[in-house]
Amino acid sequence: MNPRFMPIIDVSSAPARTASIASVYGLLFLAMLFTLLGCAVGATVALPFMTSGWIMLLFMLELAIVWTAPSWTRSSPLNYVLFAAFPFLSGLTLTPVIISVLYGYANGAAILMNALIATSLMTLSSAVLASMTRTNLGGVFGRFLLQALIGLIVFALLQMFFPSLRGQGIDMVVSGIGIIVFSLFLAVDIQRVQQRSDLDSPFLLAIALYLDIFNLFLFILRFMTASGGRRN
């Protein structure tokens, strides 16, 4: 089950809500640190990952951790172990993508830096939207975002089997849709953190935010390589 759609407990006490929000963003910060650690480790083993089936095993482990999150987020210390393991594995599997951009494009370093800056700005924009609107963003965009996410997954699977669905123009369109979808997902989840934080399990909300930002970065990176990448 996606952590984004798990029921959460409404917190009526302002101090309790503030403490819960702090714990969510603290966990998100730790997740980013473990992602960087995973990238650092992955940089030393990037070539074997790209030429073997190990990377698929890591993807499967990531999916298993996410989809079983509701069953382990309230079990300490297992929740901390698996929560740390997930972004570390994400960093490992992200490394070959970063390497392919840096060495596959003449302007790879600029693309990567611009993608990081754009992700930061989009994250800030989503936070501003979530903070300034009183509209329930989940109620407005929830069904659309879920359908769009399913569509992106299905299309990605189709691209694996039909080369005709791959191309610069198609990549720009798909990545543009992905940027919009995950920017809105991020705004929805930030609003959920601000308004209805779950005191019992901040891990679910932190995972949802992490996935939003991680996928937003990937789609921005894909858009930039498709639109302005100069292959070596």
Protein backbone atom coordinates (compact mmCIF):
# COMPACT_ATOMS: atom_id res chain seq x y z
CA MET A 1 0.00 0.00 0.00
CA ASN A 2 1.26 3.48 -0.86
CA PRO A 3 2.12 5.42 2.32
CA ARG A 4 0.45 8.47 0.78
CA PHE A 5 -2.99 6.91 1.04
CA MET A 6 -2.69 5.50 4.55
CA PRO A 7 -5.14 6.93 7.11
CA ILE A 8 -3.54 9.36 9.53
CA ILE A 9 -4.52 10.65 12.95
CA ASP A 10 -5.71 14.23 13.25
CA VAL A 11 -3.68 16.06 15.88
CA SER A 12 -5.57 18.70 17.83
CA SER A 13 -2.79 19.85 20.17
CA ALA A 14 -0.60 22.57 18.65
CA PRO A 15 2.59 21.57 20.56
CA ALA A 16 2.02 17.93 19.66
CA ARG A 17 1.48 18.84 16.01
CA THR A 18 4.64 20.95 15.99
CA ALA A 19 6.66 18.08 17.46
CA SER A 20 5.21 15.66 14.92
CA ILE A 21 6.00 17.98 12.01
CA ALA A 22 9.57 18.34 13.27
CA SER A 23 9.97 14.57 13.46
CA VAL A 24 8.72 14.13 9.89
CA TYR A 25 11.12 16.69 8.45
CA GLY A 26 13.93 15.36 10.62
CA LEU A 27 13.42 11.92 9.15
CA LEU A 28 13.28 13.42 5.66
CA PHE A 29 16.62 15.14 6.27
CA LEU A 30 18.15 11.85 7.41
CA ALA A 31 16.78 10.16 4.30
CA MET A 32 18.55 12.71 2.12
CA LEU A 33 21.81 12.10 3.98
CA PHE A 34 21.51 8.33 3.50
CA THR A 35 20.78 8.92 -0.19
CA LEU A 36 24.05 10.84 -0.51
CA LEU A 37 25.82 8.04 1.32
CA GLY A 38 24.30 5.51 -1.08
CA CYS A 39 25.48 7.59 -4.04
CA ALA A 40 29.00 7.78 -2.59
CA VAL A 41 29.13 4.01 -2.14
CA GLY A 42 27.48 3.44 -5.50
CA ALA A 43 30.12 5.53 -7.27
CA THR A 44 32.69 2.85 -6.40
CA VAL A 45 30.60 0.00 -7.81
CA ALA A 46 28.66 1.77 -10.59
CA LEU A 47 30.12 -0.28 -13.45
CA PRO A 48 29.26 -3.71 -11.96
CA PHE A 49 25.74 -2.41 -11.22
CA MET A 50 25.25 -1.28 -14.80
CA THR A 51 26.50 -4.55 -16.26
CA SER A 52 24.84 -7.05 -13.94
CA GLY A 53 21.45 -7.93 -12.53
CA TRP A 54 22.22 -6.63 -9.06
CA ILE A 55 20.54 -3.31 -9.71
CA MET A 56 17.22 -5.06 -10.39
CA LEU A 57 17.53 -6.86 -7.06
CA LEU A 58 18.04 -3.52 -5.33
CA PHE A 59 14.98 -2.09 -7.07
CA MET A 60 12.95 -5.05 -5.82
CA LEU A 61 14.23 -4.51 -2.28
CA GLU A 62 13.25 -0.83 -2.46
CA LEU A 63 9.74 -1.71 -3.61
CA ALA A 64 9.41 -4.33 -0.88
CA ILE A 65 10.41 -1.83 1.82
CA VAL A 66 7.96 0.81 0.56
CA TRP A 67 4.96 -1.48 0.10
CA THR A 68 5.44 -3.13 3.49
CA ALA A 69 5.98 0.20 5.27
CA PRO A 70 2.63 0.17 7.13
CA SER A 71 3.65 -3.08 8.82
CA TRP A 72 7.08 -2.00 10.06
CA THR A 73 6.89 1.75 10.74
CA ARG A 74 5.56 1.21 14.27
CA SER A 75 8.06 -1.52 15.19
CA SER A 76 11.17 -0.07 16.81
CA PRO A 77 14.10 -0.39 16.09
CA LEU A 78 13.13 -2.10 12.82
CA ASN A 79 11.50 1.11 11.60
CA TYR A 80 14.76 3.04 11.86
CA VAL A 81 16.77 0.29 10.19
CA LEU A 82 14.45 -0.09 7.21
CA PHE A 83 13.86 3.64 6.93
CA ALA A 84 17.62 4.17 6.65
CA ALA A 85 18.03 1.23 4.28
CA PHE A 86 15.48 2.55 1.79
CA PRO A 87 17.17 5.88 0.86
CA PHE A 88 20.58 4.18 0.97
CA LEU A 89 19.37 1.68 -1.64
CA SER A 90 17.83 4.55 -3.60
CA GLY A 91 21.21 6.26 -3.65
CA LEU A 92 22.87 3.10 -4.92
CA THR A 93 20.38 2.70 -7.77
CA LEU A 94 20.53 6.43 -8.58
CA THR A 95 24.31 6.40 -9.06
CA PRO A 96 24.31 4.73 -12.52
CA VAL A 97 21.82 7.35 -13.70
CA ILE A 98 24.05 10.16 -12.47
CA ILE A 99 27.13 8.54 -14.02
CA SER A 100 25.37 8.12 -17.37
CA VAL A 101 24.44 11.82 -17.39
CA LEU A 102 27.88 13.04 -16.34
CA TYR A 103 29.77 10.93 -18.88
CA GLY A 104 27.12 10.48 -21.55
CA TYR A 105 26.53 14.19 -22.19
CA ALA A 106 29.03 16.94 -22.93
CA ASN A 107 27.07 19.26 -20.63
CA GLY A 108 26.25 16.52 -18.13
CA ALA A 109 27.59 18.35 -15.08
CA ALA A 110 25.52 21.46 -15.93
CA ILE A 111 22.41 19.32 -16.48
CA LEU A 112 22.84 17.61 -13.12
CA MET A 113 23.41 20.90 -11.27
CA ASN A 114 20.43 22.56 -12.98
CA ALA A 115 18.25 19.55 -12.13
CA LEU A 116 19.20 19.84 -8.45
CA ILE A 117 18.46 23.58 -8.44
CA ALA A 118 15.16 23.10 -10.27
CA THR A 119 14.13 20.35 -7.84
CA SER A 120 14.88 22.64 -4.90
CA LEU A 121 12.84 25.47 -6.42
CA MET A 122 9.93 23.18 -7.28
CA THR A 123 9.98 21.79 -3.75
CA LEU A 124 9.88 25.32 -2.35
CA SER A 125 7.01 26.22 -4.70
CA SER A 126 5.04 23.16 -3.59
CA ALA A 127 5.62 24.09 0.05
CA VAL A 128 4.39 27.65 -0.58
CA LEU A 129 1.29 26.32 -2.35
CA ALA A 130 0.54 23.92 0.49
CA SER A 131 1.02 26.63 3.12
CA MET A 132 -0.92 29.45 1.45
CA THR A 133 -4.04 27.63 0.28
CA ARG A 134 -6.89 26.60 2.52
CA THR A 135 -8.22 24.23 -0.09
CA ASN A 136 -7.86 20.52 0.61
CA LEU A 137 -5.38 19.71 -2.15
CA GLY A 138 -5.79 15.98 -1.62
CA GLY A 139 -9.50 16.26 -2.22
CA VAL A 140 -9.04 18.38 -5.34
CA PHE A 141 -6.16 16.52 -6.99
CA GLY A 142 -6.19 13.10 -5.29
CA ARG A 143 -8.03 11.06 -7.92
CA PHE A 144 -6.31 12.81 -10.83
CA LEU A 145 -2.86 12.26 -9.34
CA LEU A 146 -3.48 8.59 -8.66
CA GLN A 147 -4.69 8.02 -12.22
CA ALA A 148 -1.77 10.01 -13.64
CA LEU A 149 0.70 7.98 -11.56
CA ILE A 150 -0.77 4.72 -12.83
CA GLY A 151 -0.57 6.08 -16.37
CA LEU A 152 3.11 6.97 -15.98
CA ILE A 153 3.90 3.50 -14.63
CA VAL A 154 2.01 1.75 -17.43
CA PHE A 155 3.66 3.91 -20.10
CA ALA A 156 7.12 3.25 -18.62
CA LEU A 157 6.44 -0.50 -18.86
CA LEU A 158 5.27 -0.12 -22.46
CA GLN A 159 8.47 1.76 -23.34
CA MET A 160 10.49 -1.25 -22.20
CA PHE A 161 8.87 -3.45 -24.84
CA PHE A 162 8.12 -1.00 -27.66
CA PRO A 163 11.14 1.02 -28.88
CA SER A 164 8.83 3.18 -30.99
CA LEU A 165 7.55 4.75 -27.78
CA ARG A 166 11.02 6.05 -26.98
CA GLY A 167 12.37 9.29 -28.35
CA GLN A 168 13.36 12.82 -27.46
CA GLY A 169 9.92 14.31 -28.03
CA ILE A 170 8.10 11.59 -26.12
CA ASP A 171 10.58 11.83 -23.25
CA MET A 172 9.98 15.57 -22.97
CA VAL A 173 6.21 15.13 -22.85
CA VAL A 174 6.28 12.26 -20.36
CA SER A 175 8.83 13.91 -18.11
CA GLY A 176 6.87 17.17 -18.22
CA ILE A 177 3.77 15.33 -17.05
CA GLY A 178 5.82 13.61 -14.35
CA ILE A 179 7.12 16.97 -13.09
CA ILE A 180 3.59 18.32 -12.76
CA VAL A 181 2.29 15.14 -11.11
CA PHE A 182 5.01 14.90 -8.46
CA SER A 183 5.01 18.64 -7.78
CA LEU A 184 1.32 18.36 -6.94
CA PHE A 185 1.90 15.15 -4.96
CA LEU A 186 4.53 17.02 -2.96
CA ALA A 187 2.14 19.92 -2.25
CA VAL A 188 -0.56 17.46 -1.15
CA ASP A 189 1.80 15.63 1.19
CA ILE A 190 3.27 18.81 2.66
CA GLN A 191 -0.26 19.98 3.43
CA ARG A 192 -0.99 16.64 5.09
CA VAL A 193 2.10 17.02 7.26
CA GLN A 194 1.13 20.55 8.26
CA GLN A 195 -2.50 19.81 9.04
CA ARG A 196 -2.86 16.17 10.08
CA SER A 197 0.48 14.77 11.17
CA ASP A 198 0.40 11.22 12.55
CA LEU A 199 2.07 11.19 15.96
CA ASP A 200 2.32 7.40 15.97
CA SER A 201 4.17 7.00 12.71
CA PRO A 202 5.93 9.98 11.10
CA PHE A 203 7.83 7.46 8.97
CA LEU A 204 4.96 7.08 6.50
CA LEU A 205 4.74 10.80 5.86
CA ALA A 206 8.51 11.13 5.59
CA ILE A 207 8.61 8.30 3.05
CA ALA A 208 5.84 9.96 1.02
CA LEU A 209 7.72 13.28 0.94
CA TYR A 210 10.97 11.53 0.06
CA LEU A 211 9.38 9.67 -2.85
CA ASP A 212 7.83 12.89 -4.14
CA ILE A 213 11.15 14.75 -4.16
CA PHE A 214 13.14 11.78 -5.48
CA ASN A 215 10.79 11.20 -8.42
CA LEU A 216 10.50 14.93 -9.09
CA PHE A 217 14.29 15.08 -9.44
CA LEU A 218 14.34 12.09 -11.79
CA PHE A 219 11.68 13.58 -14.08
CA ILE A 220 13.38 16.99 -14.11
CA LEU A 221 16.69 15.30 -14.96
CA ARG A 222 15.00 13.32 -17.73
CA PHE A 223 13.38 16.46 -19.13
CA MET A 224 16.68 18.34 -19.17
CA THR A 225 18.60 15.55 -20.87
CA ALA A 226 15.87 15.23 -23.50
CA SER A 227 15.55 18.95 -24.15
CA GLY A 228 19.10 20.24 -23.81
CA GLY A 229 21.46 17.29 -23.54
CA ARG A 230 24.41 17.13 -25.94
CA ARG A 231 25.56 13.53 -26.18
CA ASN A 232 29.26 12.78 -26.32
